[in-house]
PDB file of N, CA and C in Angstrom:
ATOM      1  N   UNK A   1      27.988  -9.526  13.175  1.00  0.00           N
ATOM      2  CA  UNK A   1      26.803  -9.326  12.352  1.00  0.00           C
ATOM      3  C   UNK A   1      25.703  -8.613  13.134  1.00  0.00           C
ATOM      4  N   UNK A   2      25.434  -9.056  14.382  1.00  0.00           N
ATOM      5  CA  UNK A   2      24.389  -8.415  15.173  1.00  0.00           C
ATOM      6  C   UNK A   2      24.739  -6.961  15.449  1.00  0.00           C
ATOM      7  N   UNK A   3      26.045  -6.633  15.521  1.00  0.00           N
ATOM      8  CA  UNK A   3      26.469  -5.252  15.724  1.00  0.00           C
ATOM      9  C   UNK A   3      26.057  -4.396  14.523  1.00  0.00           C
ATOM     10  N   UNK A   4      26.169  -4.945  13.306  1.00  0.00           N
ATOM     11  CA  UNK A   4      25.741  -4.217  12.115  1.00  0.00           C
ATOM     12  C   UNK A   4      24.249  -3.951  12.146  1.00  0.00           C
ATOM     13  N   UNK A   5      23.470  -4.925  12.585  1.00  0.00           N
ATOM     14  CA  UNK A   5      22.023  -4.737  12.664  1.00  0.00           C
ATOM     15  C   UNK A   5      21.663  -3.664  13.686  1.00  0.00           C
ATOM     16  N   UNK A   6      22.380  -3.628  14.793  1.00  0.00           N
ATOM     17  CA  UNK A   6      22.109  -2.599  15.790  1.00  0.00           C
ATOM     18  C   UNK A   6      22.367  -1.207  15.226  1.00  0.00           C
ATOM     19  N   UNK A   7      23.451  -1.053  14.474  1.00  0.00           N
ATOM     20  CA  UNK A   7      23.740   0.243  13.872  1.00  0.00           C
ATOM     21  C   UNK A   7      22.707   0.589  12.803  1.00  0.00           C
ATOM     22  N   UNK A   8      22.263  -0.384  12.050  1.00  0.00           N
ATOM     23  CA  UNK A   8      21.244  -0.140  11.028  1.00  0.00           C
ATOM     24  C   UNK A   8      19.954   0.340  11.662  1.00  0.00           C
ATOM     25  N   UNK A   9      19.604  -0.206  12.810  1.00  0.00           N
ATOM     26  CA  UNK A   9      18.351   0.171  13.460  1.00  0.00           C
ATOM     27  C   UNK A   9      18.424   1.569  14.061  1.00  0.00           C
ATOM     28  N   UNK A  10      19.624   2.104  14.236  1.00  0.00           N
ATOM     29  CA  UNK A  10      19.771   3.462  14.749  1.00  0.00           C
ATOM     30  C   UNK A  10      19.456   4.509  13.687  1.00  0.00           C
ATOM     31  N   UNK A  11      19.522   4.119  12.414  1.00  0.00           N
ATOM     32  CA  UNK A  11      19.257   5.064  11.327  1.00  0.00           C
ATOM     33  C   UNK A  11      17.756   5.209  11.121  1.00  0.00           C
ATOM     34  N   UNK A  12      17.300   6.412  10.784  1.00  0.00           N
ATOM     35  CA  UNK A  12      15.866   6.592  10.499  1.00  0.00           C
ATOM     36  C   UNK A  12      15.521   6.018   9.128  1.00  0.00           C
ATOM     37  N   UNK A  13      14.245   5.703   8.898  1.00  0.00           N
ATOM     38  CA  UNK A  13      13.848   5.220   7.572  1.00  0.00           C
ATOM     39  C   UNK A  13      14.011   6.329   6.538  1.00  0.00           C
ATOM     40  N   UNK A  14      14.251   5.935   5.304  1.00  0.00           N
ATOM     41  CA  UNK A  14      14.404   6.884   4.200  1.00  0.00           C
ATOM     42  C   UNK A  14      13.079   6.952   3.438  1.00  0.00           C
ATOM     43  N   UNK A  15      12.386   8.081   3.531  1.00  0.00           N
ATOM     44  CA  UNK A  15      11.116   8.262   2.819  1.00  0.00           C
ATOM     45  C   UNK A  15      11.435   8.468   1.338  1.00  0.00           C
ATOM     46  N   UNK A  16      10.907   7.595   0.492  1.00  0.00           N
ATOM     47  CA  UNK A  16      11.147   7.680  -0.949  1.00  0.00           C
ATOM     48  C   UNK A  16      10.042   8.443  -1.662  1.00  0.00           C
ATOM     49  N   UNK A  17       8.812   8.335  -1.154  1.00  0.00           N
ATOM     50  CA  UNK A  17       7.673   9.044  -1.733  1.00  0.00           C
ATOM     51  C   UNK A  17       6.546   9.052  -0.718  1.00  0.00           C
ATOM     52  N   UNK A  18       5.737  10.105  -0.762  1.00  0.00           N
ATOM     53  CA  UNK A  18       4.572  10.189   0.113  1.00  0.00           C
ATOM     54  C   UNK A  18       3.499  11.011  -0.583  1.00  0.00           C
ATOM     55  N   UNK A  19       2.262  10.629  -0.372  1.00  0.00           N
ATOM     56  CA  UNK A  19       1.129  11.353  -0.932  1.00  0.00           C
ATOM     57  C   UNK A  19       0.041  11.404   0.131  1.00  0.00           C
ATOM     58  N   UNK A  20      -0.284  12.603   0.570  1.00  0.00           N
ATOM     59  CA  UNK A  20      -1.280  12.766   1.619  1.00  0.00           C
ATOM     60  C   UNK A  20      -2.601  12.132   1.203  1.00  0.00           C
ATOM     61  N   UNK A  21      -3.164  11.366   2.088  1.00  0.00           N
ATOM     62  CA  UNK A  21      -4.434  10.702   1.817  1.00  0.00           C
ATOM     63  C   UNK A  21      -4.289   9.360   1.109  1.00  0.00           C
ATOM     64  N   UNK A  22      -3.088   9.048   0.624  1.00  0.00           N
ATOM     65  CA  UNK A  22      -2.863   7.761  -0.049  1.00  0.00           C
ATOM     66  C   UNK A  22      -1.917   6.902   0.765  1.00  0.00           C
ATOM     67  N   UNK A  23      -0.682   7.358   0.948  1.00  0.00           N
ATOM     68  CA  UNK A  23       0.282   6.577   1.703  1.00  0.00           C
ATOM     69  C   UNK A  23       1.698   7.005   1.412  1.00  0.00           C
ATOM     70  N   UNK A  24       2.627   6.079   1.609  1.00  0.00           N
ATOM     71  CA  UNK A  24       4.038   6.400   1.396  1.00  0.00           C
ATOM     72  C   UNK A  24       4.825   5.144   1.050  1.00  0.00           C
ATOM     73  N   UNK A  25       6.045   5.372   0.596  1.00  0.00           N
ATOM     74  CA  UNK A  25       7.011   4.309   0.344  1.00  0.00           C
ATOM     75  C   UNK A  25       8.287   4.728   1.058  1.00  0.00           C
ATOM     76  N   UNK A  26       8.832   3.821   1.867  1.00  0.00           N
ATOM     77  CA  UNK A  26      10.090   4.135   2.545  1.00  0.00           C
ATOM     78  C   UNK A  26      10.976   2.911   2.603  1.00  0.00           C
ATOM     79  N   UNK A  27      12.279   3.184   2.772  1.00  0.00           N
ATOM     80  CA  UNK A  27      13.275   2.118   2.936  1.00  0.00           C
ATOM     81  C   UNK A  27      13.658   2.105   4.404  1.00  0.00           C
ATOM     82  N   UNK A  28      13.542   0.947   5.038  1.00  0.00           N
ATOM     83  CA  UNK A  28      13.914   0.823   6.446  1.00  0.00           C
ATOM     84  C   UNK A  28      15.425   0.631   6.552  1.00  0.00           C
ATOM     85  N   UNK A  29      15.980   0.782   7.740  1.00  0.00           N
ATOM     86  CA  UNK A  29      17.426   0.627   7.919  1.00  0.00           C
ATOM     87  C   UNK A  29      17.964  -0.742   7.497  1.00  0.00           C
ATOM     88  N   UNK A  30      17.110  -1.762   7.456  1.00  0.00           N
ATOM     89  CA  UNK A  30      17.550  -3.096   7.042  1.00  0.00           C
ATOM     90  C   UNK A  30      17.502  -3.295   5.532  1.00  0.00           C
ATOM     91  N   UNK A  31      17.072  -2.266   4.779  1.00  0.00           N
ATOM     92  CA  UNK A  31      17.089  -2.330   3.323  1.00  0.00           C
ATOM     93  C   UNK A  31      15.789  -2.746   2.667  1.00  0.00           C
ATOM     94  N   UNK A  32      14.780  -3.127   3.472  1.00  0.00           N
ATOM     95  CA  UNK A  32      13.480  -3.488   2.899  1.00  0.00           C
ATOM     96  C   UNK A  32      12.745  -2.229   2.465  1.00  0.00           C
ATOM     97  N   UNK A  33      11.908  -2.370   1.464  1.00  0.00           N
ATOM     98  CA  UNK A  33      11.066  -1.274   1.016  1.00  0.00           C
ATOM     99  C   UNK A  33       9.659  -1.525   1.531  1.00  0.00           C
ATOM    100  N   UNK A  34       9.072  -0.489   2.109  1.00  0.00           N
ATOM    101  CA  UNK A  34       7.742  -0.582   2.701  1.00  0.00           C
ATOM    102  C   UNK A  34       6.790   0.282   1.882  1.00  0.00           C
ATOM    103  N   UNK A  35       5.708  -0.320   1.409  1.00  0.00           N
ATOM    104  CA  UNK A  35       4.667   0.388   0.678  1.00  0.00           C
ATOM    105  C   UNK A  35       3.467   0.443   1.614  1.00  0.00           C
ATOM    106  N   UNK A  36       3.096   1.653   2.033  1.00  0.00           N
ATOM    107  CA  UNK A  36       2.007   1.842   2.993  1.00  0.00           C
ATOM    108  C   UNK A  36       0.841   2.529   2.304  1.00  0.00           C
ATOM    109  N   UNK A  37      -0.319   1.896   2.372  1.00  0.00           N
ATOM    110  CA  UNK A  37      -1.547   2.463   1.827  1.00  0.00           C
ATOM    111  C   UNK A  37      -2.593   2.321   2.920  1.00  0.00           C
ATOM    112  N   UNK A  38      -2.994   3.442   3.512  1.00  0.00           N
ATOM    113  CA  UNK A  38      -3.929   3.381   4.636  1.00  0.00           C
ATOM    114  C   UNK A  38      -3.347   2.529   5.745  1.00  0.00           C
ATOM    115  N   UNK A  39      -4.108   1.553   6.194  1.00  0.00           N
ATOM    116  CA  UNK A  39      -3.676   0.664   7.273  1.00  0.00           C
ATOM    117  C   UNK A  39      -2.869  -0.539   6.769  1.00  0.00           C
ATOM    118  N   UNK A  40      -2.696  -0.637   5.457  1.00  0.00           N
ATOM    119  CA  UNK A  40      -1.996  -1.778   4.868  1.00  0.00           C
ATOM    120  C   UNK A  40      -0.540  -1.424   4.597  1.00  0.00           C
ATOM    121  N   UNK A  41       0.362  -2.333   4.956  1.00  0.00           N
ATOM    122  CA  UNK A  41       1.782  -2.117   4.711  1.00  0.00           C
ATOM    123  C   UNK A  41       2.400  -3.379   4.114  1.00  0.00           C
ATOM    124  N   UNK A  42       3.032  -3.217   2.949  1.00  0.00           N
ATOM    125  CA  UNK A  42       3.763  -4.307   2.309  1.00  0.00           C
ATOM    126  C   UNK A  42       5.243  -4.102   2.579  1.00  0.00           C
ATOM    127  N   UNK A  43       5.927  -5.131   3.013  1.00  0.00           N
ATOM    128  CA  UNK A  43       7.380  -5.080   3.220  1.00  0.00           C
ATOM    129  C   UNK A  43       8.008  -5.970   2.158  1.00  0.00           C
ATOM    130  N   UNK A  44       8.815  -5.365   1.289  1.00  0.00           N
ATOM    131  CA  UNK A  44       9.353  -6.059   0.128  1.00  0.00           C
ATOM    132  C   UNK A  44      10.867  -5.919   0.043  1.00  0.00           C
ATOM    133  N   UNK A  45      11.518  -6.957  -0.456  1.00  0.00           N
ATOM    134  CA  UNK A  45      12.939  -6.838  -0.787  1.00  0.00           C
ATOM    135  C   UNK A  45      13.025  -5.906  -2.000  1.00  0.00           C
ATOM    136  N   UNK A  46      14.185  -5.307  -2.253  1.00  0.00           N
ATOM    137  CA  UNK A  46      14.307  -4.462  -3.446  1.00  0.00           C
ATOM    138  C   UNK A  46      13.911  -5.196  -4.739  1.00  0.00           C
ATOM    139  N   UNK A  47      14.293  -6.458  -4.865  1.00  0.00           N
ATOM    140  CA  UNK A  47      13.939  -7.232  -6.067  1.00  0.00           C
ATOM    141  C   UNK A  47      12.420  -7.394  -6.184  1.00  0.00           C
ATOM    142  N   UNK A  48      11.756  -7.736  -5.093  1.00  0.00           N
ATOM    143  CA  UNK A  48      10.292  -7.885  -5.123  1.00  0.00           C
ATOM    144  C   UNK A  48       9.609  -6.543  -5.361  1.00  0.00           C
ATOM    145  N   UNK A  49      10.186  -5.475  -4.809  1.00  0.00           N
ATOM    146  CA  UNK A  49       9.622  -4.136  -5.004  1.00  0.00           C
ATOM    147  C   UNK A  49       9.579  -3.801  -6.494  1.00  0.00           C
ATOM    148  N   UNK A  50      10.718  -4.037  -7.192  1.00  0.00           N
ATOM    149  CA  UNK A  50      10.749  -3.723  -8.617  1.00  0.00           C
ATOM    150  C   UNK A  50       9.761  -4.577  -9.401  1.00  0.00           C
ATOM    151  N   UNK A  51       9.565  -5.821  -9.000  1.00  0.00           N
ATOM    152  CA  UNK A  51       8.547  -6.656  -9.631  1.00  0.00           C
ATOM    153  C   UNK A  51       7.145  -6.098  -9.387  1.00  0.00           C
ATOM    154  N   UNK A  52       6.916  -5.604  -8.179  1.00  0.00           N
ATOM    155  CA  UNK A  52       5.631  -5.004  -7.819  1.00  0.00           C
ATOM    156  C   UNK A  52       5.391  -3.739  -8.653  1.00  0.00           C
ATOM    157  N   UNK A  53       6.425  -2.914  -8.803  1.00  0.00           N
ATOM    158  CA  UNK A  53       6.311  -1.697  -9.613  1.00  0.00           C
ATOM    159  C   UNK A  53       5.994  -2.050 -11.060  1.00  0.00           C
ATOM    160  N   UNK A  54       6.646  -3.071 -11.603  1.00  0.00           N
ATOM    161  CA  UNK A  54       6.380  -3.496 -12.986  1.00  0.00           C
ATOM    162  C   UNK A  54       4.936  -3.963 -13.138  1.00  0.00           C
ATOM    163  N   UNK A  55       4.429  -4.695 -12.137  1.00  0.00           N
ATOM    164  CA  UNK A  55       3.047  -5.168 -12.182  1.00  0.00           C
ATOM    165  C   UNK A  55       2.069  -3.992 -12.140  1.00  0.00           C
ATOM    166  N   UNK A  56       2.335  -3.009 -11.280  1.00  0.00           N
ATOM    167  CA  UNK A  56       1.462  -1.832 -11.207  1.00  0.00           C
ATOM    168  C   UNK A  56       1.500  -1.038 -12.505  1.00  0.00           C
ATOM    169  N   UNK A  57       2.681  -0.927 -13.101  1.00  0.00           N
ATOM    170  CA  UNK A  57       2.803  -0.211 -14.363  1.00  0.00           C
ATOM    171  C   UNK A  57       1.994  -0.896 -15.460  1.00  0.00           C
ATOM    172  N   UNK A  58       2.102  -2.209 -15.517  1.00  0.00           N
ATOM    173  CA  UNK A  58       1.339  -2.973 -16.516  1.00  0.00           C
ATOM    174  C   UNK A  58      -0.158  -2.818 -16.291  1.00  0.00           C
ATOM    175  N   UNK A  59      -0.583  -2.883 -15.038  1.00  0.00           N
ATOM    176  CA  UNK A  59      -2.018  -2.770 -14.757  1.00  0.00           C
ATOM    177  C   UNK A  59      -2.525  -1.356 -15.067  1.00  0.00           C
ATOM    178  N   UNK A  60      -1.696  -0.325 -14.828  1.00  0.00           N
ATOM    179  CA  UNK A  60      -2.137   1.037 -15.127  1.00  0.00           C
ATOM    180  C   UNK A  60      -2.269   1.246 -16.637  1.00  0.00           C
ATOM    181  N   UNK A  61      -1.385   0.625 -17.401  1.00  0.00           N
ATOM    182  CA  UNK A  61      -1.497   0.718 -18.859  1.00  0.00           C
ATOM    183  C   UNK A  61      -2.748   0.012 -19.358  1.00  0.00           C
ATOM    184  N   UNK A  62      -3.068  -1.134 -18.785  1.00  0.00           N
ATOM    185  CA  UNK A  62      -4.286  -1.861 -19.173  1.00  0.00           C
ATOM    186  C   UNK A  62      -5.525  -1.071 -18.794  1.00  0.00           C
ATOM    187  N   UNK A  63      -5.516  -0.501 -17.601  1.00  0.00           N
ATOM    188  CA  UNK A  63      -6.671   0.279 -17.144  1.00  0.00           C
ATOM    189  C   UNK A  63      -6.860   1.529 -17.995  1.00  0.00           C
ATOM    190  N   UNK A  64      -5.763   2.138 -18.429  1.00  0.00           N
ATOM    191  CA  UNK A  64      -5.848   3.361 -19.236  1.00  0.00           C
ATOM    192  C   UNK A  64      -6.564   3.122 -20.559  1.00  0.00           C
ATOM    193  N   UNK A  65      -6.540   1.900 -21.069  1.00  0.00           N
ATOM    194  CA  UNK A  65      -7.258   1.602 -22.312  1.00  0.00           C
ATOM    195  C   UNK A  65      -8.751   1.444 -22.068  1.00  0.00           C
ATOM    196  N   UNK A  66      -9.147   1.259 -20.805  1.00  0.00           N
ATOM    197  CA  UNK A  66     -10.552   1.045 -20.461  1.00  0.00           C
ATOM    198  C   UNK A  66     -11.242   2.302 -19.955  1.00  0.00           C
ATOM    199  N   UNK A  67     -10.492   3.157 -19.267  1.00  0.00           N
ATOM    200  CA  UNK A  67     -11.069   4.394 -18.740  1.00  0.00           C
ATOM    201  C   UNK A  67      -9.974   5.433 -18.601  1.00  0.00           C
ATOM    202  N   UNK A  68     -10.327   6.708 -18.776  1.00  0.00           N
ATOM    203  CA  UNK A  68      -9.307   7.744 -18.702  1.00  0.00           C
ATOM    204  C   UNK A  68      -8.766   7.930 -17.283  1.00  0.00           C
ATOM    205  N   UNK A  69      -7.518   8.323 -17.228  1.00  0.00           N
ATOM    206  CA  UNK A  69      -6.890   8.611 -15.942  1.00  0.00           C
ATOM    207  C   UNK A  69      -7.396   9.971 -15.457  1.00  0.00           C
ATOM    208  N   UNK A  70      -7.862  10.054 -14.210  1.00  0.00           N
ATOM    209  CA  UNK A  70      -8.349  11.346 -13.710  1.00  0.00           C
ATOM    210  C   UNK A  70      -7.207  12.346 -13.570  1.00  0.00           C
ATOM    211  N   UNK A  71      -7.508  13.628 -13.863  1.00  0.00           N
ATOM    212  CA  UNK A  71      -6.492  14.674 -13.737  1.00  0.00           C
ATOM    213  C   UNK A  71      -6.074  14.839 -12.286  1.00  0.00           C
ATOM    214  N   UNK A  72      -7.025  14.811 -11.374  1.00  0.00           N
ATOM    215  CA  UNK A  72      -6.763  14.938  -9.941  1.00  0.00           C
ATOM    216  C   UNK A  72      -7.462  13.789  -9.239  1.00  0.00           C
ATOM    217  N   UNK A  73      -6.766  12.670  -9.068  1.00  0.00           N
ATOM    218  CA  UNK A  73      -7.405  11.509  -8.422  1.00  0.00           C
ATOM    219  C   UNK A  73      -7.949  11.848  -7.040  1.00  0.00           C
ATOM    220  N   UNK A  74      -9.146  11.397  -6.778  1.00  0.00           N
ATOM    221  CA  UNK A  74      -9.774  11.602  -5.473  1.00  0.00           C
ATOM    222  C   UNK A  74      -9.104  10.658  -4.497  1.00  0.00           C
ATOM    223  N   UNK A  75      -8.503  11.203  -3.461  1.00  0.00           N
ATOM    224  CA  UNK A  75      -7.775  10.368  -2.500  1.00  0.00           C
ATOM    225  C   UNK A  75      -8.564  10.135  -1.228  1.00  0.00           C
ATOM    226  N   UNK A  76      -9.778  10.555  -1.181  1.00  0.00           N
ATOM    227  CA  UNK A  76     -10.583  10.360   0.037  1.00  0.00           C
ATOM    228  C   UNK A  76     -11.212   9.013   0.095  1.00  0.00           C
TER     229      UNK A  76
END
């Protein structure tokens, strides 16, 4: 088992998405998904990640009823 972990750590992380000035999402060699925003980093299992995405989707829909989504969000 430890041999498998050593081989996993030799692989580079897989960048799934990145946005300059906001952050990135990547999968580490151990299969966790990392959501990085500025200095904050969340490490989530795939199951928790999908729950997090569902929560963000729900919150964005609620927010959209209160204020319009900006065409070009200010990332500064």
